[in-house]
Amino acid sequence: MKCQNGAAKPVEGVKMSSYFIMKAEASSSLWKAVMGESHAGGTWYEAVEFACELSKKTGRNYHMQTEAEFEYAAKKYKDKLSNIGGSGMTGEEWAYNSWDADKHMGGTDPVGPSSGQHTQKTRRDADSEGSDRVTSRLIRSIDGIGPATRLVVSADMAYPPDYIPSCDIHAPVLGGEPTNSYRDPRWITGDSYKWGTGSIAIGTFDLQVWEDGTAKLGSTNGQWFTSNNIAFVFVPSSGTPVKYPYIFLDDKQGSVIGEGAMMSNGGYIGRFEKKASTTAKPSVSGLKSGEELAKAQTKFNDEYKMVDMTSLPKKASEITSAYKQDARLLDGGVGKGWFQDNTSMKGAHHYRKDVDEDAFRFTVNQQGSRAAVLASGKWFTINNTFLRVIDEKTGYIADYLYTVTSGNDPTFYHNSFMGYERADFRMFKKVDNNKMPQTNCGSICGEEIPKGIAPAAMYVNDKEKGQSTFTPAKCPSGGCK
């Protein structure tokens, strides 16, 4: 189907060059013919890899549909395309664009912000309201599974401007986990590089790290250490230390959650990435080793002590009284819950957590139902930083890093190790049930999540993409201490 130049709504000022689009989503048989295996609803990266392999086999430059290409075809040709537009669309489809509620962009052949980068992506789904908007626009982690693939070939150019060729996009690959130490070497930048704000983030991140223990956060000089390869701690020459629980994606990018409020020191959450720098190492007096610096902190025993992370419980029955629960995570009783309200972000779904001493529950809610149970079961925490939830029936493990801000209105941030959303963050506020938003949620968001509810089968049964990617750092030869 060839789509000629035109404008697509609801974004004004969009112009499209001519292109060919698949009449139907890629079938399992087509996927098998191209990739050698039956699989048509994988991750965003797998969809791009499919486009690359099909391009190699045919000599044509296939690419994943952009939002603009999808929308224009859906509106103009929805009676001729199968599984697209209104009630005729049977499932979700990947779009190339990164999710940004405020940058659903206009212009000619737009590909959206953060082209090709590891960010949360847009998926398109049947419009539940049945209006002329054709389909609703939803968010999906780039590592998420489920959406189908529909490819496009541009008629008059290799790819749309700013579109990274399909064969040049690759999932990040993380090297081996360094030995547990008080200085994770992956953080070291030296004089030539620094860690800066990434594509999806709230706040500003500007950190430079040297091997001898010197560090510079923004304009402040200090020292640094790490805890169990999951928390980076900046210790200023004067003032309060700042902790950043972190997850690396590869040697050039990752994700952190600061424990400060967004407008305070250390108040940053989201992606960080390695960038060029010309800042020379500052002179910091009294440099200590990572272990000395860690043990000098008043929070050492509660938050920074080295732990044998390889021996953490993997079954609910293994969680003994020796494993603590951070009381800050408790939601305050049956009349309250931790809630991420996506209404302001124009999202179609919301998240809720109910946390009691005997049960942790975490769901995504959409269109009046619990669309998926992401975590459920017994739980414990390590060093007020690491959270593990284990379902008693299936043994399904969910792992997160977290922080909780101080004050009367705390925010509960988490950073996910789960395979379908590695290094994605969420933000929760404690909300009374009768004050939960109803938008795209109905009454379900204001209802306590039942104890014993089963995690989503699609994640439990997918051993590669559905479960935790947490790889514990091994203790050094002298043991963890």
Protein backbone atom coordinates (compact mmCIF):
# COMPACT_ATOMS: atom_id res chain seq x y z
CA MET A 1 0.00 0.00 0.00
CA LYS A 2 1.57 3.28 -1.12
CA CYS A 3 0.73 6.35 0.99
CA GLN A 4 1.16 9.68 -0.78
CA ASN A 5 2.14 13.04 0.67
CA GLY A 6 -0.32 14.38 3.20
CA ALA A 7 -0.93 15.61 6.73
CA ALA A 8 -1.79 13.41 9.70
CA LYS A 9 -3.84 14.39 12.74
CA PRO A 10 -4.01 14.99 15.68
CA VAL A 11 -0.56 16.62 15.35
CA GLU A 12 -0.75 19.55 12.97
CA GLY A 13 1.80 20.32 10.27
CA VAL A 14 2.91 16.74 9.59
CA LYS A 15 3.93 15.99 6.02
CA MET A 16 4.76 12.54 4.75
CA SER A 17 6.94 11.48 1.84
CA SER A 18 5.62 8.53 -0.16
CA TYR A 19 6.10 5.11 1.42
CA PHE A 20 4.95 1.50 1.24
CA ILE A 21 3.51 -0.13 4.38
CA MET A 22 2.67 -3.76 5.12
CA LYS A 23 -1.04 -4.50 4.76
CA ALA A 24 -0.88 -6.67 7.87
CA GLU A 25 1.32 -7.15 10.89
CA ALA A 26 4.28 -9.48 10.33
CA SER A 27 3.00 -13.02 10.71
CA SER A 28 4.71 -15.84 12.55
CA SER A 29 5.38 -17.61 9.25
CA LEU A 30 7.00 -14.51 7.73
CA TRP A 31 9.07 -14.04 10.86
CA LYS A 32 10.23 -17.65 10.66
CA ALA A 33 11.14 -17.31 6.97
CA VAL A 34 13.30 -14.29 7.76
CA MET A 35 14.65 -15.07 11.22
CA GLY A 36 14.56 -18.87 11.26
CA GLU A 37 12.14 -19.09 14.19
CA SER A 38 8.41 -18.53 14.73
CA HIS A 39 8.10 -15.31 16.67
CA ALA A 40 6.17 -12.17 15.77
CA GLY A 41 5.62 -10.29 19.02
CA GLY A 42 8.95 -9.59 20.62
CA THR A 43 10.88 -6.61 21.89
CA TRP A 44 11.45 -3.35 20.03
CA TYR A 45 15.01 -4.44 19.32
CA GLU A 46 13.82 -7.74 17.87
CA ALA A 47 11.45 -5.86 15.58
CA VAL A 48 14.34 -3.68 14.35
CA GLU A 49 16.51 -6.78 13.89
CA PHE A 50 13.70 -8.33 11.82
CA ALA A 51 13.69 -5.21 9.61
CA CYS A 52 17.45 -5.48 9.21
CA GLU A 53 17.40 -9.15 8.22
CA LEU A 54 14.52 -8.64 5.78
CA SER A 55 16.48 -5.76 4.23
CA LYS A 56 19.51 -8.03 3.75
CA LYS A 57 17.41 -10.74 2.11
CA THR A 58 15.51 -8.43 -0.25
CA GLY A 59 17.93 -5.58 -0.92
CA ARG A 60 15.31 -3.03 0.17
CA ASN A 61 15.61 -0.74 3.18
CA TYR A 62 12.85 -1.91 5.51
CA HIS A 63 12.29 0.04 8.70
CA MET A 64 9.92 -0.02 11.63
CA GLN A 65 6.90 2.21 11.12
CA THR A 66 7.10 5.66 12.65
CA GLU A 67 4.09 7.03 14.47
CA ALA A 68 3.41 9.43 11.61
CA GLU A 69 3.52 6.62 9.04
CA PHE A 70 1.22 4.45 11.13
CA GLU A 71 -1.29 7.22 11.78
CA TYR A 72 -1.50 8.40 8.21
CA ALA A 73 -1.98 4.89 6.82
CA ALA A 74 -4.51 4.02 9.53
CA LYS A 75 -6.65 7.06 8.80
CA LYS A 76 -6.48 6.94 5.01
CA TYR A 77 -6.45 3.22 4.34
CA LYS A 78 -8.03 1.58 7.38
CA ASP A 79 -10.56 -0.26 5.18
CA LYS A 80 -7.75 -1.80 3.11
CA LEU A 81 -5.24 -2.63 5.80
CA SER A 82 -5.88 -5.62 8.02
CA ASN A 83 -5.47 -5.38 11.80
CA ILE A 84 -5.12 -1.62 11.82
CA GLY A 85 -7.39 1.23 12.84
CA GLY A 86 -10.37 1.27 15.20
CA SER A 87 -11.92 -2.08 16.11
CA GLY A 88 -10.14 -3.83 13.23
CA MET A 89 -6.78 -3.78 14.95
CA THR A 90 -6.30 -6.98 16.90
CA GLY A 91 -3.28 -6.07 19.00
CA GLU A 92 -0.56 -3.59 19.86
CA GLU A 93 2.07 -2.57 17.34
CA TRP A 94 5.53 -1.12 17.87
CA ALA A 95 6.33 2.37 16.62
CA TYR A 96 9.86 3.65 16.10
CA ASN A 97 9.31 6.78 18.17
CA SER A 98 10.42 7.20 21.75
CA TRP A 99 7.66 8.10 24.19
CA ASP A 100 7.38 11.76 25.06
CA ALA A 101 3.98 13.12 26.04
CA ASP A 102 4.85 16.65 24.94
CA LYS A 103 6.80 15.89 21.76
CA HIS A 104 4.45 14.00 19.46
CA MET A 105 6.22 15.91 16.72
CA GLY A 106 5.18 17.65 13.53
CA GLY A 107 7.30 18.46 10.50
CA THR A 108 8.24 16.39 7.46
CA ASP A 109 8.68 12.65 8.04
CA PRO A 110 9.11 13.07 11.81
CA VAL A 111 10.74 10.27 13.80
CA GLY A 112 10.31 11.88 17.21
CA PRO A 113 12.90 12.72 19.89
CA SER A 114 15.75 10.41 20.94
CA SER A 115 15.87 8.63 17.59
CA GLY A 116 17.15 5.08 17.98
CA GLN A 117 18.16 5.51 21.61
CA HIS A 118 17.43 3.16 24.49
CA THR A 119 14.30 4.84 25.85
CA GLN A 120 10.71 3.89 26.49
CA LYS A 121 8.92 3.50 23.16
CA THR A 122 5.46 4.14 21.78
CA ARG A 123 3.05 1.35 20.96
CA ARG A 124 -0.24 1.79 19.16
CA ASP A 125 -3.42 0.02 20.21
CA ALA A 126 -7.09 -0.07 19.27
CA ASP A 127 -8.85 3.12 20.37
CA SER A 128 -11.15 2.08 23.20
CA GLU A 129 -13.23 5.22 22.79
CA GLY A 130 -14.00 4.46 19.15
CA SER A 131 -13.34 8.05 18.04
CA ASP A 132 -11.67 9.26 14.87
CA ARG A 133 -8.26 9.24 16.56
CA VAL A 134 -7.87 5.74 15.09
CA THR A 135 -5.81 4.30 17.92
CA SER A 136 -4.67 5.17 21.40
CA ARG A 137 -1.02 5.95 22.05
CA LEU A 138 0.60 4.00 24.86
CA ILE A 139 4.02 3.67 26.42
CA ARG A 140 6.09 0.47 26.44
CA SER A 141 9.56 -0.24 27.71
CA ILE A 142 11.99 -0.86 24.88
CA ASP A 143 12.69 -4.34 26.30
CA GLY A 144 8.99 -5.12 26.65
CA ILE A 145 7.39 -8.03 24.87
CA GLY A 146 4.07 -8.43 23.07
CA PRO A 147 3.52 -5.73 20.40
CA ALA A 148 3.40 -6.87 16.78
CA THR A 149 5.62 -5.57 13.97
CA ARG A 150 4.61 -3.69 10.83
CA LEU A 151 7.36 -2.55 8.48
CA VAL A 152 7.69 0.25 5.96
CA VAL A 153 9.79 1.01 2.87
CA SER A 154 10.27 4.64 1.88
CA ALA A 155 9.51 5.18 -1.83
CA ASP A 156 11.94 7.99 -2.61
CA MET A 157 14.72 7.72 -0.02
CA ALA A 158 16.58 5.09 1.95
CA TYR A 159 15.15 6.14 5.34
CA PRO A 160 13.28 9.13 6.75
CA PRO A 161 15.63 11.93 7.88
CA ASP A 162 17.09 11.30 11.37
CA TYR A 163 16.02 7.63 11.23
CA ILE A 164 18.94 5.39 12.23
CA PRO A 165 19.22 2.52 9.69
CA SER A 166 17.77 -0.74 10.99
CA CYS A 167 21.08 -2.62 10.85
CA ASP A 168 22.83 0.11 12.86
CA ILE A 169 20.60 -0.28 15.94
CA HIS A 170 21.56 -2.84 18.56
CA ALA A 171 20.44 -3.72 22.06
CA PRO A 172 22.96 -2.67 24.73
CA VAL A 173 25.25 -5.45 25.87
CA LEU A 174 26.51 -5.42 29.43
CA GLY A 175 29.89 -6.95 30.16
CA GLY A 176 30.61 -9.19 33.11
CA GLU A 177 29.73 -7.93 36.57
CA PRO A 178 32.83 -6.62 38.40
CA THR A 179 33.74 -8.18 41.76
CA ASN A 180 31.90 -6.62 44.67
CA SER A 181 34.03 -3.75 45.92
CA TYR A 182 33.77 -0.29 47.34
CA ARG A 183 34.76 1.14 43.96
CA ASP A 184 32.89 -0.22 40.94
CA PRO A 185 35.39 0.51 38.10
CA ARG A 186 32.61 1.07 35.54
CA TRP A 187 32.10 4.54 37.00
CA ILE A 188 35.62 5.80 36.30
CA THR A 189 35.70 8.45 33.55
CA GLY A 190 39.10 10.11 33.93
CA ASP A 191 39.78 13.55 32.46
CA SER A 192 38.30 12.95 28.99
CA TYR A 193 34.76 11.91 29.86
CA LYS A 194 31.95 12.51 32.30
CA TRP A 195 28.51 11.10 33.04
CA GLY A 196 25.79 13.43 31.82
CA THR A 197 22.01 13.63 31.56
CA GLY A 198 20.55 10.97 29.27
CA SER A 199 17.57 10.96 26.94
CA ILE A 200 14.85 10.20 29.51
CA ALA A 201 15.46 11.98 32.80
CA ILE A 202 14.19 14.43 35.37
CA GLY A 203 16.82 16.83 36.68
CA THR A 204 20.48 17.31 35.79
CA PHE A 205 23.31 14.81 36.09
CA ASP A 206 26.92 15.97 35.70
CA LEU A 207 29.43 13.60 37.31
CA GLN A 208 33.12 13.01 36.71
CA VAL A 209 34.98 10.21 38.46
CA TRP A 210 38.68 9.40 38.83
CA GLU A 211 40.38 6.15 39.82
CA ASP A 212 42.11 7.60 42.90
CA GLY A 213 38.76 8.42 44.52
CA THR A 214 38.36 12.01 43.34
CA ALA A 215 34.91 12.97 42.05
CA LYS A 216 33.13 16.09 40.84
CA LEU A 217 29.33 16.33 40.96
CA GLY A 218 28.20 19.44 39.14
CA SER A 219 30.47 22.17 40.51
CA THR A 220 31.14 20.37 43.81
CA ASN A 221 34.38 18.49 44.47
CA GLY A 222 34.53 15.39 46.63
CA GLN A 223 35.23 11.66 46.78
CA TRP A 224 33.25 8.54 45.87
CA PHE A 225 32.59 4.93 46.71
CA THR A 226 30.08 2.28 45.69
CA SER A 227 28.06 -0.22 47.67
CA ASN A 228 27.50 -3.76 46.38
CA ASN A 229 27.70 -2.56 42.75
CA ILE A 230 24.21 -1.07 43.09
CA ALA A 231 24.70 2.31 44.80
CA PHE A 232 27.09 5.13 43.91
CA VAL A 233 27.80 7.53 46.78
CA PHE A 234 29.29 11.00 46.29
CA VAL A 235 30.89 12.43 49.43
CA PRO A 236 31.47 16.19 49.05
CA SER A 237 34.43 17.88 50.67
CA SER A 238 31.82 19.58 52.88
CA GLY A 239 28.14 18.81 53.14
CA THR A 240 25.87 15.77 52.96
CA PRO A 241 26.70 12.65 50.88
CA VAL A 242 24.45 11.86 47.93
CA LYS A 243 23.43 8.28 47.03
CA TYR A 244 22.44 7.12 43.55
CA PRO A 245 21.20 3.51 43.21
CA TYR A 246 22.20 2.53 39.67
CA ILE A 247 21.80 0.01 36.88
CA PHE A 248 24.24 -0.04 33.96
CA LEU A 249 22.94 -0.89 30.49
CA ASP A 250 26.42 -1.06 28.97
CA ASP A 251 29.73 0.75 29.45
CA LYS A 252 28.32 4.01 28.09
CA GLN A 253 24.84 4.33 29.57
CA GLY A 254 22.67 3.43 32.52
CA SER A 255 19.99 4.65 34.89
CA VAL A 256 20.03 6.10 38.41
CA ILE A 257 17.54 7.25 41.02
CA GLY A 258 18.63 10.00 43.37
CA GLU A 259 17.37 9.94 46.93
CA GLY A 260 16.76 13.70 47.04
CA ALA A 261 13.63 15.55 45.96
CA MET A 262 13.81 16.69 42.34
CA MET A 263 14.80 20.27 43.12
CA SER A 264 17.34 19.41 45.83
CA ASN A 265 20.92 18.18 45.84
CA GLY A 266 21.01 14.69 44.37
CA GLY A 267 17.48 15.02 43.02
CA TYR A 268 17.89 13.25 39.70
CA ILE A 269 16.18 10.24 38.19
CA GLY A 270 16.56 8.57 34.81
CA ARG A 271 19.16 7.86 32.15
CA PHE A 272 22.81 8.86 32.32
CA GLU A 273 25.31 8.51 29.50
CA LYS A 274 29.04 8.97 28.93
CA LYS A 275 29.97 12.26 27.25
CA ALA A 276 33.20 14.02 26.30
CA SER A 277 34.73 16.34 28.90
CA THR A 278 37.67 18.71 29.16
CA THR A 279 37.55 19.11 32.95
CA ALA A 280 40.84 18.35 34.65
CA LYS A 281 40.92 16.46 37.93
CA PRO A 282 40.45 18.83 40.90
CA SER A 283 42.66 18.69 43.95
CA VAL A 284 40.86 17.02 46.87
CA SER A 285 42.68 16.64 50.17
CA GLY A 286 42.43 13.66 52.48
CA LEU A 287 41.63 11.04 49.86
CA LYS A 288 40.53 7.71 51.34
CA SER A 289 40.15 4.26 49.85
CA GLY A 290 36.62 3.28 48.89
CA GLU A 291 36.35 1.00 51.92
CA GLU A 292 37.65 3.66 54.30
CA LEU A 293 35.27 6.23 52.88
CA ALA A 294 32.30 3.87 53.13
CA LYS A 295 33.06 2.86 56.71
CA ALA A 296 33.40 6.50 57.71
CA GLN A 297 29.72 7.12 56.93
CA THR A 298 27.20 7.10 59.78
CA LYS A 299 24.85 5.08 57.55
CA PHE A 300 27.44 2.37 56.88
CA ASN A 301 25.81 -0.56 58.72
CA ASP A 302 22.32 0.28 57.41
CA GLU A 303 23.05 1.23 53.81
CA TYR A 304 26.64 0.70 52.65
CA LYS A 305 27.94 -2.49 54.26
CA MET A 306 29.19 -5.05 51.75
CA VAL A 307 26.71 -7.93 51.45
CA ASP A 308 27.02 -11.37 49.89
CA MET A 309 24.41 -10.65 47.20
CA THR A 310 24.95 -14.09 45.62
CA SER A 311 23.31 -15.77 48.62
CA LEU A 312 20.05 -13.82 48.73
CA PRO A 313 16.86 -15.90 49.08
CA LYS A 314 15.38 -17.21 45.84
CA LYS A 315 12.36 -18.83 47.46
CA ALA A 316 9.78 -17.29 49.76
CA SER A 317 10.49 -19.99 52.35
CA GLU A 318 14.12 -18.83 52.51
CA ILE A 319 13.21 -15.33 53.71
CA THR A 320 14.02 -15.49 57.42
CA SER A 321 13.93 -12.88 60.16
CA ALA A 322 17.53 -12.05 59.30
CA TYR A 323 16.25 -10.19 56.24
CA LYS A 324 14.84 -6.78 57.02
CA GLN A 325 11.98 -4.81 55.53
CA ASP A 326 12.43 -1.08 55.01
CA ALA A 327 9.42 0.30 56.89
CA ARG A 328 9.32 3.34 54.61
CA LEU A 329 7.83 1.13 51.88
CA LEU A 330 4.70 0.25 53.91
CA ASP A 331 1.72 2.03 52.35
CA GLY A 332 -0.13 2.95 55.54
CA GLY A 333 -2.96 0.41 55.59
CA VAL A 334 -5.88 -0.86 53.53
CA GLY A 335 -7.19 2.63 52.81
CA LYS A 336 -4.06 3.76 51.00
CA GLY A 337 -1.69 2.70 48.26
CA TRP A 338 1.39 3.83 46.38
CA PHE A 339 0.27 5.24 43.04
CA GLN A 340 1.87 6.51 39.82
CA ASP A 341 -0.67 8.73 38.08
CA ASN A 342 0.06 8.96 34.35
CA THR A 343 -2.87 11.26 33.60
CA SER A 344 -0.67 14.34 33.29
CA MET A 345 1.66 12.41 30.95
CA LYS A 346 -1.29 11.50 28.71
CA GLY A 347 -0.68 7.85 29.52
CA ALA A 348 -3.36 5.20 29.09
CA HIS A 349 -2.38 3.20 32.15
CA HIS A 350 -1.40 3.76 35.78
CA TYR A 351 0.59 1.83 38.38
CA ARG A 352 -0.35 0.87 41.93
CA LYS A 353 1.57 -0.80 44.77
CA ASP A 354 0.12 -2.13 48.01
CA VAL A 355 2.79 -2.94 50.57
CA ASP A 356 2.09 -4.72 53.86
CA GLU A 357 4.53 -6.62 56.03
CA ASP A 358 3.22 -9.95 54.77
CA ALA A 359 2.67 -9.09 51.10
CA PHE A 360 3.93 -6.80 48.32
CA ARG A 361 1.69 -6.28 45.26
CA PHE A 362 2.38 -4.21 42.13
CA THR A 363 -0.01 -3.85 39.18
CA VAL A 364 -0.48 -1.86 36.00
CA ASN A 365 -4.11 -0.72 35.68
CA GLN A 366 -5.86 0.25 32.48
CA GLN A 367 -9.44 0.68 31.24
CA GLY A 368 -11.00 -0.43 34.51
CA SER A 369 -8.96 -3.58 35.02
CA ARG A 370 -5.63 -4.82 36.30
CA ALA A 371 -3.89 -5.20 32.97
CA ALA A 372 -0.97 -7.07 34.54
CA VAL A 373 0.34 -8.07 37.95
CA LEU A 374 4.04 -7.20 37.83
CA ALA A 375 5.08 -8.41 41.28
CA SER A 376 3.35 -10.20 44.15
CA GLY A 377 4.50 -12.06 47.23
CA LYS A 378 6.85 -12.02 50.20
CA TRP A 379 9.47 -9.29 50.23
CA PHE A 380 12.63 -8.03 51.88
CA THR A 381 15.14 -5.22 51.39
CA ILE A 382 18.93 -4.92 51.50
CA ASN A 383 20.71 -1.77 52.70
CA ASN A 384 17.59 0.36 52.16
CA THR A 385 18.41 0.14 48.44
CA PHE A 386 17.57 -3.29 47.01
CA LEU A 387 14.06 -4.79 47.00
CA ARG A 388 13.20 -8.41 46.18
CA VAL A 389 9.65 -9.80 45.88
CA ILE A 390 9.10 -13.58 45.61
CA ASP A 391 5.79 -15.19 44.67
CA GLU A 392 5.19 -18.22 46.92
CA LYS A 393 3.35 -20.33 44.33
CA THR A 394 5.46 -19.87 41.19
CA GLY A 395 8.76 -18.74 42.69
CA TYR A 396 8.69 -15.70 40.38
CA ILE A 397 11.27 -13.12 41.50
CA ALA A 398 10.98 -9.37 40.95
CA ASP A 399 14.01 -7.18 41.76
CA TYR A 400 14.19 -3.40 42.05
CA LEU A 401 16.40 -0.65 43.38
CA TYR A 402 14.59 2.07 45.26
CA THR A 403 14.75 5.30 47.22
CA VAL A 404 12.14 7.05 49.37
CA THR A 405 12.31 10.81 49.87
CA SER A 406 11.95 12.23 53.36
CA GLY A 407 9.15 14.45 54.64
CA ASN A 408 5.39 14.23 55.12
CA ASP A 409 4.69 13.57 51.44
CA PRO A 410 7.32 11.00 50.41
CA THR A 411 7.96 9.76 46.89
CA PHE A 412 8.82 6.08 46.37
CA TYR A 413 11.13 5.75 43.34
CA HIS A 414 12.15 2.43 41.89
CA ASN A 415 14.53 1.32 39.15
CA SER A 416 13.74 -2.04 37.59
CA PHE A 417 15.93 -5.07 36.95
CA MET A 418 13.08 -6.86 35.19
CA GLY A 419 13.84 -8.15 31.70
CA TYR A 420 10.88 -6.39 30.11
CA GLU A 421 11.89 -2.96 31.47
CA ARG A 422 15.52 -3.06 32.57
CA ALA A 423 16.66 0.31 33.98
CA ASP A 424 13.22 1.90 33.67
CA PHE A 425 12.09 3.98 36.62
CA ARG A 426 8.72 4.64 38.28
CA MET A 427 7.58 7.28 40.77
CA PHE A 428 4.87 6.63 43.37
CA LYS A 429 3.01 8.84 45.84
CA LYS A 430 1.03 7.56 48.81
CA VAL A 431 -2.65 8.20 48.00
CA ASP A 432 -5.96 7.55 49.78
CA ASN A 433 -8.08 5.04 47.91
CA ASN A 434 -10.96 7.50 47.52
CA LYS A 435 -8.62 10.02 45.90
CA MET A 436 -7.22 7.74 43.21
CA PRO A 437 -7.75 9.13 39.65
CA GLN A 438 -10.48 7.54 37.58
CA THR A 439 -9.07 8.51 34.16
CA ASN A 440 -8.34 5.36 32.10
CA CYS A 441 -8.56 3.42 35.32
CA GLY A 442 -12.13 3.26 36.61
CA SER A 443 -12.63 2.17 40.20
CA ILE A 444 -9.87 -0.45 40.03
CA CYS A 445 -7.13 2.05 40.96
CA GLY A 446 -8.90 2.83 44.23
CA GLU A 447 -9.21 -0.81 45.25
CA GLU A 448 -6.70 -2.66 47.42
CA ILE A 449 -4.79 -5.25 45.39
CA PRO A 450 -5.76 -8.69 46.73
CA LYS A 451 -3.09 -10.64 48.59
CA GLY A 452 -2.04 -13.84 46.85
CA ILE A 453 -2.78 -12.46 43.39
CA ALA A 454 -0.67 -14.22 40.76
CA PRO A 455 2.02 -12.41 38.73
CA ALA A 456 1.28 -12.12 35.00
CA ALA A 457 1.76 -15.46 33.25
CA MET A 458 3.38 -13.77 30.22
CA TYR A 459 6.29 -12.72 32.43
CA VAL A 460 6.44 -15.77 34.69
CA ASN A 461 6.64 -18.10 31.68
CA ASP A 462 9.21 -16.10 29.71
CA LYS A 463 12.51 -17.13 31.25
CA GLU A 464 14.53 -14.71 29.09
CA LYS A 465 12.54 -11.47 28.95
CA GLY A 466 10.06 -11.84 31.76
CA GLN A 467 12.23 -12.23 34.82
CA SER A 468 14.88 -10.39 36.77
CA THR A 469 18.18 -9.55 35.09
CA PHE A 470 19.90 -8.81 38.40
CA THR A 471 23.39 -10.31 38.44
CA PRO A 472 24.93 -10.14 41.91
CA ALA A 473 28.54 -9.10 42.24
CA LYS A 474 30.67 -11.88 43.70
CA CYS A 475 32.44 -11.26 46.97
CA PRO A 476 36.20 -10.57 46.75
CA SER A 477 38.65 -13.32 47.65
CA GLY A 478 38.67 -12.23 51.30
CA GLY A 479 34.88 -12.39 51.50
CA CYS A 480 32.27 -9.66 51.92
CA LYS A 481 32.83 -7.51 54.99
